[in-house]
C-alpha atoms as a PDB file:
ATOM      1  CA  MET A   1       8.026   3.112 -14.492  1.00  0.00           C
ATOM      2  CA  THR A   2      10.128   2.292 -11.464  1.00  0.00           C
ATOM      3  CA  PHE A   3      10.078   3.971  -8.088  1.00  0.00           C
ATOM      4  CA  ASP A   4      13.196   5.874  -7.094  1.00  0.00           C
ATOM      5  CA  PRO A   5      13.361   6.001  -3.277  1.00  0.00           C
ATOM      6  CA  SER A   6      15.489   9.130  -3.434  1.00  0.00           C
ATOM      7  CA  LEU A   7      12.501  11.072  -4.817  1.00  0.00           C
ATOM      8  CA  ARG A   8      10.823  10.833  -1.394  1.00  0.00           C
ATOM      9  CA  LYS A   9       7.323  10.771  -2.903  1.00  0.00           C
ATOM     10  CA  PRO A  10       6.224   7.282  -1.805  1.00  0.00           C
ATOM     11  CA  ALA A  11       2.616   8.101  -0.920  1.00  0.00           C
ATOM     12  CA  ARG A  12       1.955   9.636  -4.329  1.00  0.00           C
ATOM     13  CA  TRP A  13       3.550   6.624  -6.009  1.00  0.00           C
ATOM     14  CA  ARG A  14       1.582   4.134  -3.885  1.00  0.00           C
ATOM     15  CA  THR A  15      -1.642   5.929  -4.698  1.00  0.00           C
ATOM     16  CA  ALA A  16      -0.880   5.780  -8.417  1.00  0.00           C
ATOM     17  CA  ALA A  17       0.008   2.080  -8.197  1.00  0.00           C
ATOM     18  CA  TRP A  18      -3.178   1.257  -6.292  1.00  0.00           C
ATOM     19  CA  LEU A  19      -5.286   3.200  -8.777  1.00  0.00           C
ATOM     20  CA  LEU A  20      -3.628   1.328 -11.646  1.00  0.00           C
ATOM     21  CA  VAL A  21      -4.336  -2.069 -10.054  1.00  0.00           C
ATOM     22  CA  ALA A  22      -7.901  -1.077  -9.177  1.00  0.00           C
ATOM     23  CA  THR A  23      -8.573   0.234 -12.662  1.00  0.00           C
ATOM     24  CA  CYS A  24      -7.113  -2.852 -14.360  1.00  0.00           C
ATOM     25  CA  ALA A  25      -9.154  -5.118 -12.085  1.00  0.00           C
ATOM     26  CA  GLY A  26     -12.302  -3.144 -12.854  1.00  0.00           C
ATOM     27  CA  LEU A  27     -12.757  -2.134  -9.224  1.00  0.00           C
ATOM     28  CA  PRO A  28     -14.552   1.013  -8.191  1.00  0.00           C
ATOM     29  CA  VAL A  29     -12.030   3.486  -6.836  1.00  0.00           C
ATOM     30  CA  VAL A  30     -13.391   4.778  -3.551  1.00  0.00           C
ATOM     31  CA  ALA A  31     -12.250   7.533  -1.236  1.00  0.00           C
ATOM     32  CA  GLY A  32      -9.972   6.280   1.519  1.00  0.00           C
ATOM     33  CA  ALA A  33      -8.586   3.413  -0.554  1.00  0.00           C
ATOM     34  CA  GLN A  34      -5.035   4.584   0.135  1.00  0.00           C
ATOM     35  CA  ALA A  35      -3.675   4.821   3.654  1.00  0.00           C
ATOM     36  CA  SER A  36      -3.804   8.372   4.922  1.00  0.00           C
ATOM     37  CA  GLU A  37      -0.571  10.317   5.256  1.00  0.00           C
ATOM     38  CA  ALA A  38      -1.022  10.385   9.039  1.00  0.00           C
ATOM     39  CA  GLN A  39      -1.266   6.585   9.174  1.00  0.00           C
ATOM     40  CA  MET A  40       1.759   6.153   6.883  1.00  0.00           C
ATOM     41  CA  SER A  41       3.759   8.525   9.094  1.00  0.00           C
ATOM     42  CA  ALA A  42       2.672   6.697  12.246  1.00  0.00           C
ATOM     43  CA  PHE A  43       3.649   3.360  10.711  1.00  0.00           C
ATOM     44  CA  GLN A  44       7.116   4.648   9.825  1.00  0.00           C
ATOM     45  CA  LYS A  45       7.456   6.224  13.281  1.00  0.00           C
ATOM     46  CA  TYR A  46       6.687   2.988  15.148  1.00  0.00           C
ATOM     47  CA  THR A  47       8.289   0.395  12.852  1.00  0.00           C
ATOM     48  CA  THR A  48      11.834   0.318  11.543  1.00  0.00           C
ATOM     49  CA  CYS A  49      12.694  -0.075   7.884  1.00  0.00           C
ATOM     50  CA  PRO A  50      13.977  -3.639   7.295  1.00  0.00           C
ATOM     51  CA  SER A  51      16.793  -2.515   4.993  1.00  0.00           C
ATOM     52  CA  THR A  52      18.117   0.541   6.882  1.00  0.00           C
ATOM     53  CA  GLY A  53      16.915  -0.034  10.437  1.00  0.00           C
ATOM     54  CA  ARG A  54      15.749   3.598  10.587  1.00  0.00           C
ATOM     55  CA  ARG A  55      12.323   5.005  11.397  1.00  0.00           C
ATOM     56  CA  SER A  56      12.416   7.821   8.861  1.00  0.00           C
ATOM     57  CA  GLY A  57      13.524   8.438   5.310  1.00  0.00           C
ATOM     58  CA  ALA A  58      13.495   6.120   2.331  1.00  0.00           C
ATOM     59  CA  CYS A  59      13.388   2.346   2.710  1.00  0.00           C
ATOM     60  CA  PRO A  60      15.130   0.938  -0.384  1.00  0.00           C
ATOM     61  CA  GLY A  61      13.755  -2.366  -1.635  1.00  0.00           C
ATOM     62  CA  TYR A  62      10.614  -2.228   0.509  1.00  0.00           C
ATOM     63  CA  ARG A  63       7.080  -0.858   0.221  1.00  0.00           C
ATOM     64  CA  ILE A  64       4.337  -0.255   2.728  1.00  0.00           C
ATOM     65  CA  ALA A  65       1.277  -2.407   2.047  1.00  0.00           C
ATOM     66  CA  TRP A  66      -2.024  -3.234   3.708  1.00  0.00           C
ATOM     67  CA  LYS A  67      -2.256  -6.384   5.807  1.00  0.00           C
ATOM     68  CA  VAL A  68      -5.993  -6.441   5.023  1.00  0.00           C
ATOM     69  CA  PRO A  69      -7.089  -4.057   2.239  1.00  0.00           C
ATOM     70  CA  PRO A  70      -9.956  -1.660   3.032  1.00  0.00           C
ATOM     71  CA  CYS A  71     -12.201  -3.224   0.393  1.00  0.00           C
ATOM     72  CA  ALA A  72     -11.911  -6.517   2.293  1.00  0.00           C
ATOM     73  CA  GLY A  73     -12.728  -4.957   5.666  1.00  0.00           C
ATOM     74  CA  GLY A  74      -9.307  -3.620   6.698  1.00  0.00           C
ATOM     75  CA  GLN A  75      -9.042  -0.380   8.643  1.00  0.00           C
ATOM     76  CA  ASP A  76      -7.119   2.773   7.748  1.00  0.00           C
ATOM     77  CA  ARG A  77      -4.816   2.376  10.752  1.00  0.00           C
ATOM     78  CA  TRP A  78      -1.047   2.144  10.977  1.00  0.00           C
ATOM     79  CA  THR A  79      -1.461  -1.232  12.688  1.00  0.00           C
ATOM     80  CA  ASN A  80      -2.971  -2.565   9.443  1.00  0.00           C
ATOM     81  CA  LEU A  81       0.199  -1.762   7.457  1.00  0.00           C
ATOM     82  CA  VAL A  82       3.302  -3.882   6.898  1.00  0.00           C
ATOM     83  CA  TRP A  83       6.692  -3.618   5.169  1.00  0.00           C
ATOM     84  CA  LEU A  84       6.966  -5.901   2.120  1.00  0.00           C
ATOM     85  CA  THR A  85       9.774  -6.430  -0.371  1.00  0.00           C
ATOM     86  CA  GLU A  86       9.162  -5.060  -3.868  1.00  0.00           C
ATOM     87  CA  VAL A  87       8.369  -8.533  -5.257  1.00  0.00           C
ATOM     88  CA  ALA A  88       6.120  -9.503  -2.347  1.00  0.00           C
ATOM     89  CA  ALA A  89       4.302  -6.156  -2.581  1.00  0.00           C
ATOM     90  CA  ARG A  90       3.564  -6.748  -6.277  1.00  0.00           C
ATOM     91  CA  GLN A  91       2.189 -10.201  -5.515  1.00  0.00           C
ATOM     92  CA  LYS A  92       0.148  -8.833  -2.602  1.00  0.00           C
ATOM     93  CA  MET A  93      -1.324  -6.104  -4.814  1.00  0.00           C
ATOM     94  CA  GLN A  94      -2.481  -8.769  -7.266  1.00  0.00           C
ATOM     95  CA  SER A  95      -4.015 -10.923  -4.543  1.00  0.00           C
ATOM     96  CA  ASP A  96      -5.640  -7.840  -2.964  1.00  0.00           C
ATOM     97  CA  ALA A  97      -7.115  -6.862  -6.322  1.00  0.00           C
ATOM     98  CA  ALA A  98      -8.570 -10.362  -6.693  1.00  0.00           C
ATOM     99  CA  ALA A  99      -9.968 -10.300  -3.142  1.00  0.00           C
ATOM    100  CA  CYS A 100     -11.493  -6.872  -3.695  1.00  0.00           C
ATOM    101  CA  ALA A 101     -13.009  -7.940  -6.994  1.00  0.00           C
ATOM    102  CA  ALA A 102     -14.546 -10.971  -5.302  1.00  0.00           C
ATOM    103  CA  SER A 103     -16.007  -8.870  -2.493  1.00  0.00           C
ATOM    104  CA  ALA A 104     -17.251  -6.065  -4.759  1.00  0.00           C
ATOM    105  CA  PRO A 105     -21.040  -5.855  -5.041  1.00  0.00           C
ATOM    106  CA  ARG A 106     -22.392  -7.204  -8.312  1.00  0.00           C
ATOM    107  CA  PRO A 107     -24.779  -5.011 -10.336  1.00  0.00           C
END
C-alpha cells in the first residue's frame, strides 16, 4: 500500500505504519507511541515542507518522523519531529524498531 498525499490523512497512515513496524518487531504497542495531532500540527506550523516550501497541506515525497522515538526516551513534542524523504523515513523506521527492541524490557 502506498500513501497518496492528496488523501490528506497522514496521521492515520503514520499510525498504521508505526503499528505495523512495532508488530513485526515484536514490540509492545503503547499509548502515545504516535505523535499527537497537536504536535504534528505545531510541527507543520513552525517548519516548512522541503518540497513545497509551505507550512500547511500535503508534503509530497516527505514524511514526518521522530528524531528520537518515544520508546528510546524521546518526547511527544513538535521539536522532536523532523521531515524525512520517503526512503530515509523507511530506513529510520527500521532503525527505530531495532532501537526500541533493544531497549524493551526483557521478560
